[in-house]
């Protein structure tokens, strides 16, 4: 089956939404579920449940490309041999430590979340709650000097603490990046370092979640389903390349209050729409 031009446009639009919202602390999954309420792609519910997670692999590949030097643990010795970069290895070990709480929560609660909490009301509530949290944390941080300014200076205890905050993101509408950034700011990590660690943390987390969703769905795709997945991922990758650069530039001079206000307003609009 060949995708129609209209269906292709819908998939591209979803890829754009994913590429923008995956990195901004506004909940990509929440936005994707909400967009699907108004602009549904012609696919089964089982496929769409998988698609809304696996499309994020395109966004994650943008992190791999942009942060390749920081993420690749192997370097060259003066004599031409291969050596491990100790700082990179240490960073990956901290990322793994931060992944443990979220991985355990996802394995235990994934089916329950999909069945009971992927609703517009829950998404709206999470958007508002964590929007308020951003405003409160940023206000609390004014005049408070960050304890950790560089991503490589994040300790194992900090990484585990950030990982515990990431558990909150299993609720649709919370935002994985939002939960981890709030946690990092509370722990005293500077905004650029908090964002960078969040990007690094996304790589194993989203590869793991995508693997689970693919395993649950199976690897038997129709031609149109495979095209939907590939177009969505490529679009998300290209948009993410731009958004990550813009976000890192923005947070060097500004806080996250704007995103907090956006979340609150969007949550209120969603509640009014669906309750009315």
Foldseek 3Di string as FASTA:
>chain_A
DDDDPLLLVLLLVLLLLQLQPQQQQFFNLQVSLVVCVPRPHPDDPLLSVLLSQLLCVLLLVLLCVVCVVLQDQWDADPVGHIDGDVLNVQLVVLLVLLQVVQVVLCVVCVVVLVVPQSDLLQLLVLLQVLLVLQVVLVVVCVVPAAPAEALSPQDSVLSNQLSVQLNVPSRGNNHSLSSSQSSNSVVRYQNLSSSSSSSVSCNVVSVVVSVVSCVVSDPDDDPVSVVSSVSSSNSSNVSNNVNVVVVSVVSVPDGSNVSSVVSNVVSVVSCVVVVD
